[in-house]
C-alpha cells in the first residue's frame, strides 16, 4: 500500500513538469530606455504583453529588458523572438554577433517579430536579413515616420486580424516601407491612406523624400503592419506603431500584436483573437524612470508648414 501511495504522488507531481515542457517559449526583448516619458516604453510594453498572455494555454512568455539577454543561451528553444526597441545603429539585434545568433534560430524555424522602431535595421547591416525574416523593414531615405491618425477601415482574413474591428489611432505610423520584391510571402494586415498632413516636414532621412510625397499625393494605400511566411515555413511580422505607450490600452491596437506574437510562434490564434484587459493603472506600471511624468494630454500632431506657393 505504501508503495502505491508513493507511486501515486510521483505521478501527480510529474504532470505539471510535463505540461511546462510542452509549452512553447516566446522570448520578448525590450530595448533600453529611450525618448520622453510615455514614449518608447519598451520594458513596460513587453511586460504588459507578458501579463496579457500569462494565462494563455500552451505558451510561456519570457521578457528580457534593457536590451539583448546577457546570456544568449536564453534564446535557445524559443518558438519566437520579438523585439521592441530603438532601431538603426542602436538596434540590439545589430550589436556584437546577435544577428548571427538570430540567423541560427531562424534557420531552425523560429519566428521573429519587430515592433515600432525595431523594424529599422541599417542598409549595411540587417536589411537583407529582415527582408527575409519578417518580409519588410524601414529604409532610411525611403520610409517616413510622421505622427498621424491612421484610419484602418478594413482588415484581411488572417489569424493576426482575428477579433479586430476597424479602428482609428494616432501614433507615429511608419510607411513607404521596403518589402520583399512583389510582396512575395507578405500579407498586409494594417493599411490606410495617409493624408497630405503627413508630409508636414522638410525632406530628410526619416521625414520625407520626393518619392513618398508623390505616393501621398496619389493617395496610395500604405502598409503599417504585415505578416510574412518564409519558404522554410518560418513566420515573421512587423508593426510600425507603438511610439505612444498609452495606445496599448486600446483593445484593437493591443490585440493585433498579441495575435501576431502567437502566430509567429505557430500557436493557434483564437477565433476572436487574444482576449485581454488593461487598466489605466496597469498602463502606468513598469514605465522607465525618465525624470518627469508621462504626458496625459491628448497627442497633438505638429501643424504642417505654411505653404510657400
C-alpha atoms as a PDB file:
ATOM      1  CA  UNK A   1       0.000   0.000   0.000  1.00  0.00           C
ATOM      2  CA  UNK A   2       2.800   2.386   0.911  1.00  0.00           C
ATOM      3  CA  UNK A   3       4.434   1.717  -2.475  1.00  0.00           C
ATOM      4  CA  UNK A   4       1.189   2.569  -4.292  1.00  0.00           C
ATOM      5  CA  UNK A   5       0.835   5.837  -2.394  1.00  0.00           C
ATOM      6  CA  UNK A   6       4.391   6.853  -3.264  1.00  0.00           C
ATOM      7  CA  UNK A   7       3.799   5.957  -6.919  1.00  0.00           C
ATOM      8  CA  UNK A   8       0.540   7.962  -6.949  1.00  0.00           C
ATOM      9  CA  UNK A   9       2.207  11.124  -5.618  1.00  0.00           C
ATOM     10  CA  UNK A  10       5.085  10.691  -8.031  1.00  0.00           C
ATOM     11  CA  UNK A  11       2.665  10.607 -10.938  1.00  0.00           C
ATOM     12  CA  UNK A  12       0.592  13.648  -9.929  1.00  0.00           C
ATOM     13  CA  UNK A  13       3.660  15.764  -9.172  1.00  0.00           C
ATOM     14  CA  UNK A  14       5.119  14.872 -12.574  1.00  0.00           C
ATOM     15  CA  UNK A  15       2.123  16.249 -14.505  1.00  0.00           C
ATOM     16  CA  UNK A  16       2.918  19.978 -14.142  1.00  0.00           C
ATOM     17  CA  UNK A  17       6.501  19.401 -15.267  1.00  0.00           C
ATOM     18  CA  UNK A  18       5.334  17.599 -18.405  1.00  0.00           C
ATOM     19  CA  UNK A  19       2.851  20.390 -19.117  1.00  0.00           C
ATOM     20  CA  UNK A  20       5.504  23.077 -18.750  1.00  0.00           C
ATOM     21  CA  UNK A  21       7.869  21.178 -21.009  1.00  0.00           C
ATOM     22  CA  UNK A  22       5.247  21.179 -23.750  1.00  0.00           C
ATOM     23  CA  UNK A  23       4.658  24.924 -23.569  1.00  0.00           C
ATOM     24  CA  UNK A  24       6.090  26.963 -26.416  1.00  0.00           C
ATOM     25  CA  UNK A  25       8.599  29.533 -25.198  1.00  0.00           C
ATOM     26  CA  UNK A  26       8.175  33.032 -26.575  1.00  0.00           C
ATOM     27  CA  UNK A  27      11.023  35.452 -25.887  1.00  0.00           C
ATOM     28  CA  UNK A  28      10.280  39.180 -25.793  1.00  0.00           C
ATOM     29  CA  UNK A  29      13.295  41.513 -25.873  1.00  0.00           C
ATOM     30  CA  UNK A  30      12.736  45.090 -24.668  1.00  0.00           C
ATOM     31  CA  UNK A  31      15.263  47.717 -25.682  1.00  0.00           C
ATOM     32  CA  UNK A  32      16.954  50.264 -23.444  1.00  0.00           C
ATOM     33  CA  UNK A  33      15.124  53.402 -22.207  1.00  0.00           C
ATOM     34  CA  UNK A  34      14.517  55.893 -24.990  1.00  0.00           C
ATOM     35  CA  UNK A  35      12.662  59.120 -25.782  1.00  0.00           C
ATOM     36  CA  UNK A  36      10.455  61.002 -23.349  1.00  0.00           C
ATOM     37  CA  UNK A  37       8.041  59.696 -20.714  1.00  0.00           C
ATOM     38  CA  UNK A  38       5.256  57.590 -22.203  1.00  0.00           C
ATOM     39  CA  UNK A  39       7.179  57.144 -25.458  1.00  0.00           C
ATOM     40  CA  UNK A  40       9.209  54.096 -26.490  1.00  0.00           C
ATOM     41  CA  UNK A  41       8.306  52.372 -23.238  1.00  0.00           C
ATOM     42  CA  UNK A  42       9.810  49.105 -24.407  1.00  0.00           C
ATOM     43  CA  UNK A  43      10.052  47.494 -20.990  1.00  0.00           C
ATOM     44  CA  UNK A  44       6.543  48.441 -19.861  1.00  0.00           C
ATOM     45  CA  UNK A  45       5.077  47.365 -23.199  1.00  0.00           C
ATOM     46  CA  UNK A  46       6.686  43.925 -23.211  1.00  0.00           C
ATOM     47  CA  UNK A  47       5.758  43.293 -19.572  1.00  0.00           C
ATOM     48  CA  UNK A  48       2.203  44.259 -20.469  1.00  0.00           C
ATOM     49  CA  UNK A  49       2.172  41.693 -23.305  1.00  0.00           C
ATOM     50  CA  UNK A  50       3.526  39.083 -20.903  1.00  0.00           C
ATOM     51  CA  UNK A  51       0.708  39.856 -18.469  1.00  0.00           C
ATOM     52  CA  UNK A  52      -1.897  39.604 -21.240  1.00  0.00           C
ATOM     53  CA  UNK A  53      -0.598  36.186 -22.320  1.00  0.00           C
ATOM     54  CA  UNK A  54       0.092  34.836 -18.821  1.00  0.00           C
ATOM     55  CA  UNK A  55      -2.958  32.577 -18.788  1.00  0.00           C
ATOM     56  CA  UNK A  56      -2.919  31.637 -22.461  1.00  0.00           C
ATOM     57  CA  UNK A  57      -2.646  27.835 -22.657  1.00  0.00           C
ATOM     58  CA  UNK A  58       0.394  26.237 -24.214  1.00  0.00           C
ATOM     59  CA  UNK A  59       2.783  29.184 -24.095  1.00  0.00           C
ATOM     60  CA  UNK A  60       5.383  30.550 -21.726  1.00  0.00           C
ATOM     61  CA  UNK A  61       6.340  34.183 -22.301  1.00  0.00           C
ATOM     62  CA  UNK A  62       9.713  35.420 -21.071  1.00  0.00           C
ATOM     63  CA  UNK A  63      10.753  39.085 -21.070  1.00  0.00           C
ATOM     64  CA  UNK A  64      14.336  40.336 -21.180  1.00  0.00           C
ATOM     65  CA  UNK A  65      14.724  44.060 -20.602  1.00  0.00           C
ATOM     66  CA  UNK A  66      17.379  46.686 -21.258  1.00  0.00           C
ATOM     67  CA  UNK A  67      18.455  45.055 -24.494  1.00  0.00           C
ATOM     68  CA  UNK A  68      19.790  41.668 -25.515  1.00  0.00           C
ATOM     69  CA  UNK A  69      19.804  38.941 -22.835  1.00  0.00           C
ATOM     70  CA  UNK A  70      23.150  38.828 -21.042  1.00  0.00           C
ATOM     71  CA  UNK A  71      23.105  35.069 -21.581  1.00  0.00           C
ATOM     72  CA  UNK A  72      22.275  34.379 -25.213  1.00  0.00           C
ATOM     73  CA  UNK A  73      21.527  30.761 -24.294  1.00  0.00           C
ATOM     74  CA  UNK A  74      18.190  32.100 -23.032  1.00  0.00           C
ATOM     75  CA  UNK A  75      17.100  32.218 -26.689  1.00  0.00           C
ATOM     76  CA  UNK A  76      17.704  28.522 -27.235  1.00  0.00           C
ATOM     77  CA  UNK A  77      14.494  26.564 -27.599  1.00  0.00           C
ATOM     78  CA  UNK A  78      12.352  29.637 -28.278  1.00  0.00           C
ATOM     79  CA  UNK A  79       9.444  29.275 -30.679  1.00  0.00           C
ATOM     80  CA  UNK A  80       9.555  33.002 -31.454  1.00  0.00           C
ATOM     81  CA  UNK A  81      11.663  36.062 -30.638  1.00  0.00           C
ATOM     82  CA  UNK A  82      10.057  39.512 -30.687  1.00  0.00           C
ATOM     83  CA  UNK A  83      11.962  42.795 -30.306  1.00  0.00           C
ATOM     84  CA  UNK A  84      10.552  46.181 -29.228  1.00  0.00           C
ATOM     85  CA  UNK A  85      13.423  48.658 -29.169  1.00  0.00           C
ATOM     86  CA  UNK A  86      15.172  51.515 -30.878  1.00  0.00           C
ATOM     87  CA  UNK A  87      16.462  50.745 -34.328  1.00  0.00           C
ATOM     88  CA  UNK A  88      19.202  51.789 -36.711  1.00  0.00           C
ATOM     89  CA  UNK A  89      22.680  51.510 -35.259  1.00  0.00           C
ATOM     90  CA  UNK A  90      21.189  51.150 -31.758  1.00  0.00           C
ATOM     91  CA  UNK A  91      19.168  48.045 -32.671  1.00  0.00           C
ATOM     92  CA  UNK A  92      20.009  45.268 -30.173  1.00  0.00           C
ATOM     93  CA  UNK A  93      19.937  42.684 -32.970  1.00  0.00           C
ATOM     94  CA  UNK A  94      22.741  44.542 -34.769  1.00  0.00           C
ATOM     95  CA  UNK A  95      25.137  44.606 -31.821  1.00  0.00           C
ATOM     96  CA  UNK A  96      28.070  42.198 -31.489  1.00  0.00           C
ATOM     97  CA  UNK A  97      27.175  38.811 -33.042  1.00  0.00           C
ATOM     98  CA  UNK A  98      23.434  38.991 -32.295  1.00  0.00           C
ATOM     99  CA  UNK A  99      22.425  38.984 -35.958  1.00  0.00           C
ATOM    100  CA  UNK A 100      24.283  35.708 -36.413  1.00  0.00           C
ATOM    101  CA  UNK A 101      22.562  34.289 -33.338  1.00  0.00           C
ATOM    102  CA  UNK A 102      19.180  35.238 -34.775  1.00  0.00           C
ATOM    103  CA  UNK A 103      20.126  33.746 -38.135  1.00  0.00           C
ATOM    104  CA  UNK A 104      20.828  30.398 -36.454  1.00  0.00           C
ATOM    105  CA  UNK A 105      17.451  30.500 -34.688  1.00  0.00           C
ATOM    106  CA  UNK A 106      15.557  31.468 -37.838  1.00  0.00           C
ATOM    107  CA  UNK A 107      17.240  28.612 -39.685  1.00  0.00           C
ATOM    108  CA  UNK A 108      15.624  26.320 -37.104  1.00  0.00           C
ATOM    109  CA  UNK A 109      12.179  27.763 -37.908  1.00  0.00           C
ATOM    110  CA  UNK A 110      11.963  30.206 -35.003  1.00  0.00           C
ATOM    111  CA  UNK A 111       9.506  33.052 -35.589  1.00  0.00           C
ATOM    112  CA  UNK A 112      10.684  36.670 -35.492  1.00  0.00           C
ATOM    113  CA  UNK A 113       8.777  39.905 -34.935  1.00  0.00           C
ATOM    114  CA  UNK A 114       9.667  43.584 -34.654  1.00  0.00           C
ATOM    115  CA  UNK A 115       7.645  46.402 -33.091  1.00  0.00           C
ATOM    116  CA  UNK A 116       7.910  50.119 -33.919  1.00  0.00           C
ATOM    117  CA  UNK A 117      11.490  51.417 -34.281  1.00  0.00           C
ATOM    118  CA  UNK A 118      12.767  47.828 -34.146  1.00  0.00           C
ATOM    119  CA  UNK A 119      11.559  47.401 -37.758  1.00  0.00           C
ATOM    120  CA  UNK A 120      14.518  49.594 -38.798  1.00  0.00           C
ATOM    121  CA  UNK A 121      17.854  47.823 -39.321  1.00  0.00           C
ATOM    122  CA  UNK A 122      20.511  49.564 -41.390  1.00  0.00           C
ATOM    123  CA  UNK A 123      21.021  49.081 -45.117  1.00  0.00           C
ATOM    124  CA  UNK A 124      24.583  47.998 -44.405  1.00  0.00           C
ATOM    125  CA  UNK A 125      23.667  45.521 -41.671  1.00  0.00           C
ATOM    126  CA  UNK A 126      20.405  43.713 -41.126  1.00  0.00           C
ATOM    127  CA  UNK A 127      18.215  44.884 -44.021  1.00  0.00           C
ATOM    128  CA  UNK A 128      18.821  41.797 -46.147  1.00  0.00           C
ATOM    129  CA  UNK A 129      18.073  39.564 -43.154  1.00  0.00           C
ATOM    130  CA  UNK A 130      14.980  41.498 -42.066  1.00  0.00           C
ATOM    131  CA  UNK A 131      13.503  41.291 -45.560  1.00  0.00           C
ATOM    132  CA  UNK A 132      13.980  37.550 -45.409  1.00  0.00           C
ATOM    133  CA  UNK A 133      12.892  37.066 -41.786  1.00  0.00           C
ATOM    134  CA  UNK A 134       9.931  39.442 -41.418  1.00  0.00           C
ATOM    135  CA  UNK A 135       9.258  40.436 -45.026  1.00  0.00           C
ATOM    136  CA  UNK A 136       9.806  44.184 -44.743  1.00  0.00           C
ATOM    137  CA  UNK A 137      11.593  46.975 -42.913  1.00  0.00           C
ATOM    138  CA  UNK A 138      12.065  50.723 -42.599  1.00  0.00           C
ATOM    139  CA  UNK A 139      14.605  52.009 -45.099  1.00  0.00           C
ATOM    140  CA  UNK A 140      16.307  55.338 -44.431  1.00  0.00           C
ATOM    141  CA  UNK A 141      15.744  57.951 -47.181  1.00  0.00           C
ATOM    142  CA  UNK A 142      12.747  55.978 -48.410  1.00  0.00           C
ATOM    143  CA  UNK A 143      10.421  55.285 -45.457  1.00  0.00           C
ATOM    144  CA  UNK A 144       8.998  58.020 -43.213  1.00  0.00           C
ATOM    145  CA  UNK A 145       7.857  58.288 -39.588  1.00  0.00           C
ATOM    146  CA  UNK A 146       5.225  61.033 -39.216  1.00  0.00           C
ATOM    147  CA  UNK A 147       2.777  61.243 -36.340  1.00  0.00           C
ATOM    148  CA  UNK A 148      -0.754  60.992 -37.727  1.00  0.00           C
ATOM    149  CA  UNK A 149      -4.146  59.393 -37.208  1.00  0.00           C
ATOM    150  CA  UNK A 150      -4.475  56.327 -39.405  1.00  0.00           C
ATOM    151  CA  UNK A 151      -7.954  55.100 -40.308  1.00  0.00           C
ATOM    152  CA  UNK A 152      -7.974  51.321 -40.693  1.00  0.00           C
ATOM    153  CA  UNK A 153     -11.294  50.749 -42.421  1.00  0.00           C
ATOM    154  CA  UNK A 154     -10.879  47.082 -43.331  1.00  0.00           C
ATOM    155  CA  UNK A 155      -8.825  44.128 -42.153  1.00  0.00           C
ATOM    156  CA  UNK A 156      -7.831  40.981 -44.053  1.00  0.00           C
ATOM    157  CA  UNK A 157      -8.846  37.425 -43.305  1.00  0.00           C
ATOM    158  CA  UNK A 158      -5.748  36.391 -41.390  1.00  0.00           C
ATOM    159  CA  UNK A 159      -5.115  34.901 -37.935  1.00  0.00           C
ATOM    160  CA  UNK A 160      -3.424  38.124 -36.790  1.00  0.00           C
ATOM    161  CA  UNK A 161      -6.585  40.100 -37.565  1.00  0.00           C
ATOM    162  CA  UNK A 162      -8.948  37.758 -35.687  1.00  0.00           C
ATOM    163  CA  UNK A 163     -11.261  39.626 -33.364  1.00  0.00           C
ATOM    164  CA  UNK A 164     -10.037  43.026 -34.546  1.00  0.00           C
ATOM    165  CA  UNK A 165     -12.546  45.567 -35.814  1.00  0.00           C
ATOM    166  CA  UNK A 166     -11.857  48.674 -37.924  1.00  0.00           C
ATOM    167  CA  UNK A 167     -10.368  51.467 -35.827  1.00  0.00           C
ATOM    168  CA  UNK A 168      -8.549  54.790 -35.907  1.00  0.00           C
ATOM    169  CA  UNK A 169      -5.387  55.512 -33.964  1.00  0.00           C
ATOM    170  CA  UNK A 170      -2.971  58.410 -33.728  1.00  0.00           C
ATOM    171  CA  UNK A 171       0.605  57.222 -33.474  1.00  0.00           C
ATOM    172  CA  UNK A 172       3.959  57.543 -35.165  1.00  0.00           C
ATOM    173  CA  UNK A 173       2.985  55.217 -38.002  1.00  0.00           C
ATOM    174  CA  UNK A 174       5.862  54.481 -40.369  1.00  0.00           C
ATOM    175  CA  UNK A 175       5.080  53.906 -44.029  1.00  0.00           C
ATOM    176  CA  UNK A 176       6.555  53.608 -47.523  1.00  0.00           C
ATOM    177  CA  UNK A 177       8.394  50.599 -46.162  1.00  0.00           C
ATOM    178  CA  UNK A 178      10.765  48.389 -48.088  1.00  0.00           C
ATOM    179  CA  UNK A 179       9.202  44.968 -48.727  1.00  0.00           C
ATOM    180  CA  UNK A 180      10.258  41.799 -50.472  1.00  0.00           C
ATOM    181  CA  UNK A 181      10.089  42.004 -54.238  1.00  0.00           C
ATOM    182  CA  UNK A 182       6.468  41.655 -55.313  1.00  0.00           C
ATOM    183  CA  UNK A 183       5.376  41.311 -51.639  1.00  0.00           C
ATOM    184  CA  UNK A 184       6.285  37.648 -52.017  1.00  0.00           C
ATOM    185  CA  UNK A 185       5.012  35.805 -48.952  1.00  0.00           C
ATOM    186  CA  UNK A 186       3.947  39.070 -47.304  1.00  0.00           C
ATOM    187  CA  UNK A 187       0.380  39.883 -46.216  1.00  0.00           C
ATOM    188  CA  UNK A 188      -0.650  43.440 -45.365  1.00  0.00           C
ATOM    189  CA  UNK A 189      -2.513  43.484 -42.044  1.00  0.00           C
ATOM    190  CA  UNK A 190      -2.979  47.223 -41.452  1.00  0.00           C
ATOM    191  CA  UNK A 191      -3.387  49.532 -44.443  1.00  0.00           C
ATOM    192  CA  UNK A 192      -4.525  53.132 -44.604  1.00  0.00           C
ATOM    193  CA  UNK A 193      -4.180  56.146 -46.882  1.00  0.00           C
ATOM    194  CA  UNK A 194      -2.008  58.901 -45.385  1.00  0.00           C
ATOM    195  CA  UNK A 195      -3.294  62.414 -45.919  1.00  0.00           C
ATOM    196  CA  UNK A 196      -1.259  65.391 -47.080  1.00  0.00           C
ATOM    197  CA  UNK A 197      -0.588  66.499 -43.499  1.00  0.00           C
ATOM    198  CA  UNK A 198       1.750  63.524 -43.032  1.00  0.00           C
ATOM    199  CA  UNK A 199       4.224  65.384 -45.208  1.00  0.00           C
ATOM    200  CA  UNK A 200       4.481  68.367 -42.836  1.00  0.00           C
ATOM    201  CA  UNK A 201       8.275  68.146 -42.510  1.00  0.00           C
ATOM    202  CA  UNK A 202      11.083  69.009 -44.892  1.00  0.00           C
ATOM    203  CA  UNK A 203      12.830  66.169 -46.687  1.00  0.00           C
ATOM    204  CA  UNK A 204      15.198  64.141 -44.552  1.00  0.00           C
ATOM    205  CA  UNK A 205      16.344  60.569 -43.836  1.00  0.00           C
ATOM    206  CA  UNK A 206      13.156  59.788 -41.875  1.00  0.00           C
ATOM    207  CA  UNK A 207      10.995  62.788 -42.676  1.00  0.00           C
ATOM    208  CA  UNK A 208      10.275  62.882 -46.407  1.00  0.00           C
ATOM    209  CA  UNK A 209      11.542  62.474 -49.954  1.00  0.00           C
ATOM    210  CA  UNK A 210      10.167  63.111 -53.467  1.00  0.00           C
ATOM    211  CA  UNK A 211       9.008  59.512 -53.971  1.00  0.00           C
ATOM    212  CA  UNK A 212       6.940  59.295 -50.796  1.00  0.00           C
ATOM    213  CA  UNK A 213       5.469  62.752 -51.414  1.00  0.00           C
ATOM    214  CA  UNK A 214       4.340  61.575 -54.840  1.00  0.00           C
ATOM    215  CA  UNK A 215       2.795  58.438 -53.307  1.00  0.00           C
ATOM    216  CA  UNK A 216       0.860  60.509 -50.761  1.00  0.00           C
ATOM    217  CA  UNK A 217      -0.311  62.883 -53.472  1.00  0.00           C
ATOM    218  CA  UNK A 218      -1.623  59.901 -55.467  1.00  0.00           C
ATOM    219  CA  UNK A 219      -3.470  58.578 -52.429  1.00  0.00           C
ATOM    220  CA  UNK A 220      -1.595  55.270 -52.385  1.00  0.00           C
ATOM    221  CA  UNK A 221      -2.623  52.890 -49.604  1.00  0.00           C
ATOM    222  CA  UNK A 222       0.258  52.173 -47.232  1.00  0.00           C
ATOM    223  CA  UNK A 223       1.021  49.152 -45.072  1.00  0.00           C
ATOM    224  CA  UNK A 224       1.712  49.754 -41.374  1.00  0.00           C
ATOM    225  CA  UNK A 225       1.586  46.134 -40.181  1.00  0.00           C
ATOM    226  CA  UNK A 226       2.353  42.984 -42.097  1.00  0.00           C
ATOM    227  CA  UNK A 227       2.869  39.252 -41.683  1.00  0.00           C
ATOM    228  CA  UNK A 228       5.315  37.126 -43.623  1.00  0.00           C
ATOM    229  CA  UNK A 229       5.931  33.466 -44.253  1.00  0.00           C
ATOM    230  CA  UNK A 230       9.307  32.149 -45.263  1.00  0.00           C
ATOM    231  CA  UNK A 231       9.978  29.405 -47.763  1.00  0.00           C
ATOM    232  CA  UNK A 232      11.063  27.166 -44.876  1.00  0.00           C
ATOM    233  CA  UNK A 233       7.728  27.688 -43.104  1.00  0.00           C
ATOM    234  CA  UNK A 234       9.024  30.199 -40.568  1.00  0.00           C
ATOM    235  CA  UNK A 235       6.926  33.251 -39.751  1.00  0.00           C
ATOM    236  CA  UNK A 236       7.571  36.914 -39.066  1.00  0.00           C
ATOM    237  CA  UNK A 237       5.758  40.201 -38.585  1.00  0.00           C
ATOM    238  CA  UNK A 238       6.368  43.924 -38.428  1.00  0.00           C
ATOM    239  CA  UNK A 239       4.245  46.522 -36.603  1.00  0.00           C
ATOM    240  CA  UNK A 240       5.201  50.152 -37.119  1.00  0.00           C
ATOM    241  CA  UNK A 241       3.029  51.690 -34.383  1.00  0.00           C
ATOM    242  CA  UNK A 242       3.846  51.644 -30.680  1.00  0.00           C
ATOM    243  CA  UNK A 243       5.532  55.003 -30.154  1.00  0.00           C
ATOM    244  CA  UNK A 244       2.973  56.058 -27.522  1.00  0.00           C
ATOM    245  CA  UNK A 245       2.599  53.647 -24.626  1.00  0.00           C
ATOM    246  CA  UNK A 246      -0.968  54.715 -23.856  1.00  0.00           C
ATOM    247  CA  UNK A 247      -2.134  53.237 -27.168  1.00  0.00           C
ATOM    248  CA  UNK A 248      -1.659  49.723 -25.756  1.00  0.00           C
ATOM    249  CA  UNK A 249      -4.775  50.456 -23.742  1.00  0.00           C
ATOM    250  CA  UNK A 250      -6.826  50.193 -26.944  1.00  0.00           C
ATOM    251  CA  UNK A 251      -8.216  46.675 -27.394  1.00  0.00           C
ATOM    252  CA  UNK A 252      -7.775  46.526 -31.187  1.00  0.00           C
ATOM    253  CA  UNK A 253      -4.282  48.005 -31.144  1.00  0.00           C
ATOM    254  CA  UNK A 254      -3.120  45.602 -28.443  1.00  0.00           C
ATOM    255  CA  UNK A 255      -4.891  42.535 -29.817  1.00  0.00           C
ATOM    256  CA  UNK A 256      -3.140  42.815 -33.175  1.00  0.00           C
ATOM    257  CA  UNK A 257       0.271  42.499 -31.566  1.00  0.00           C
ATOM    258  CA  UNK A 258      -0.770  39.777 -29.123  1.00  0.00           C
ATOM    259  CA  UNK A 259      -2.227  37.788 -32.018  1.00  0.00           C
ATOM    260  CA  UNK A 260       0.946  38.359 -34.031  1.00  0.00           C
ATOM    261  CA  UNK A 261       3.177  37.158 -31.204  1.00  0.00           C
ATOM    262  CA  UNK A 262       1.254  33.885 -31.019  1.00  0.00           C
ATOM    263  CA  UNK A 263       1.063  33.490 -34.794  1.00  0.00           C
ATOM    264  CA  UNK A 264       4.809  33.992 -35.194  1.00  0.00           C
ATOM    265  CA  UNK A 265       5.338  31.146 -32.693  1.00  0.00           C
ATOM    266  CA  UNK A 266       2.957  28.927 -34.688  1.00  0.00           C
ATOM    267  CA  UNK A 267       0.406  28.953 -31.893  1.00  0.00           C
ATOM    268  CA  UNK A 268      -3.247  28.821 -32.986  1.00  0.00           C
ATOM    269  CA  UNK A 269      -4.852  32.234 -32.601  1.00  0.00           C
ATOM    270  CA  UNK A 270      -8.386  32.033 -31.104  1.00  0.00           C
ATOM    271  CA  UNK A 271     -11.332  32.771 -33.383  1.00  0.00           C
ATOM    272  CA  UNK A 272     -11.878  36.104 -31.616  1.00  0.00           C
ATOM    273  CA  UNK A 273      -8.199  36.782 -31.092  1.00  0.00           C
ATOM    274  CA  UNK A 274      -6.445  37.112 -27.744  1.00  0.00           C
ATOM    275  CA  UNK A 275      -8.850  38.458 -25.136  1.00  0.00           C
ATOM    276  CA  UNK A 276      -7.187  40.688 -22.560  1.00  0.00           C
ATOM    277  CA  UNK A 277      -7.914  43.659 -20.347  1.00  0.00           C
ATOM    278  CA  UNK A 278      -5.600  46.504 -19.432  1.00  0.00           C
ATOM    279  CA  UNK A 279      -6.488  49.117 -16.849  1.00  0.00           C
ATOM    280  CA  UNK A 280      -5.278  52.708 -16.665  1.00  0.00           C
ATOM    281  CA  UNK A 281      -3.309  51.750 -13.560  1.00  0.00           C
ATOM    282  CA  UNK A 282      -1.598  48.886 -15.411  1.00  0.00           C
ATOM    283  CA  UNK A 283      -0.541  51.262 -18.172  1.00  0.00           C
ATOM    284  CA  UNK A 284       1.316  53.276 -15.527  1.00  0.00           C
ATOM    285  CA  UNK A 285       3.288  50.261 -14.317  1.00  0.00           C
ATOM    286  CA  UNK A 286       6.915  49.486 -15.216  1.00  0.00           C
ATOM    287  CA  UNK A 287       7.497  52.798 -17.006  1.00  0.00           C
ATOM    288  CA  UNK A 288      11.151  53.738 -17.374  1.00  0.00           C
ATOM    289  CA  UNK A 289      12.303  56.480 -14.969  1.00  0.00           C
ATOM    290  CA  UNK A 290      12.770  59.406 -17.335  1.00  0.00           C
ATOM    291  CA  UNK A 291      12.772  62.342 -14.979  1.00  0.00           C
ATOM    292  CA  UNK A 292       9.212  63.566 -15.392  1.00  0.00           C
ATOM    293  CA  UNK A 293       5.685  62.239 -15.537  1.00  0.00           C
ATOM    294  CA  UNK A 294       4.279  60.918 -18.832  1.00  0.00           C
ATOM    295  CA  UNK A 295       2.150  63.286 -20.859  1.00  0.00           C
ATOM    296  CA  UNK A 296      -1.520  62.844 -20.127  1.00  0.00           C
ATOM    297  CA  UNK A 297      -2.915  65.405 -22.548  1.00  0.00           C
ATOM    298  CA  UNK A 298      -4.185  64.210 -25.942  1.00  0.00           C
ATOM    299  CA  UNK A 299      -1.495  63.967 -28.567  1.00  0.00           C
ATOM    300  CA  UNK A 300      -1.498  66.900 -30.972  1.00  0.00           C
ATOM    301  CA  UNK A 301       0.184  66.426 -34.318  1.00  0.00           C
ATOM    302  CA  UNK A 302       2.507  69.296 -35.290  1.00  0.00           C
ATOM    303  CA  UNK A 303       0.958  71.667 -37.803  1.00  0.00           C
ATOM    304  CA  UNK A 304       2.202  71.390 -41.386  1.00  0.00           C
ATOM    305  CA  UNK A 305       4.495  74.208 -42.514  1.00  0.00           C
ATOM    306  CA  UNK A 306       2.888  77.212 -44.188  1.00  0.00           C
ATOM    307  CA  UNK A 307       2.641  76.975 -47.947  1.00  0.00           C
ATOM    308  CA  UNK A 308       5.233  78.923 -49.897  1.00  0.00           C
ATOM    309  CA  UNK A 309       3.197  78.911 -53.112  1.00  0.00           C
END
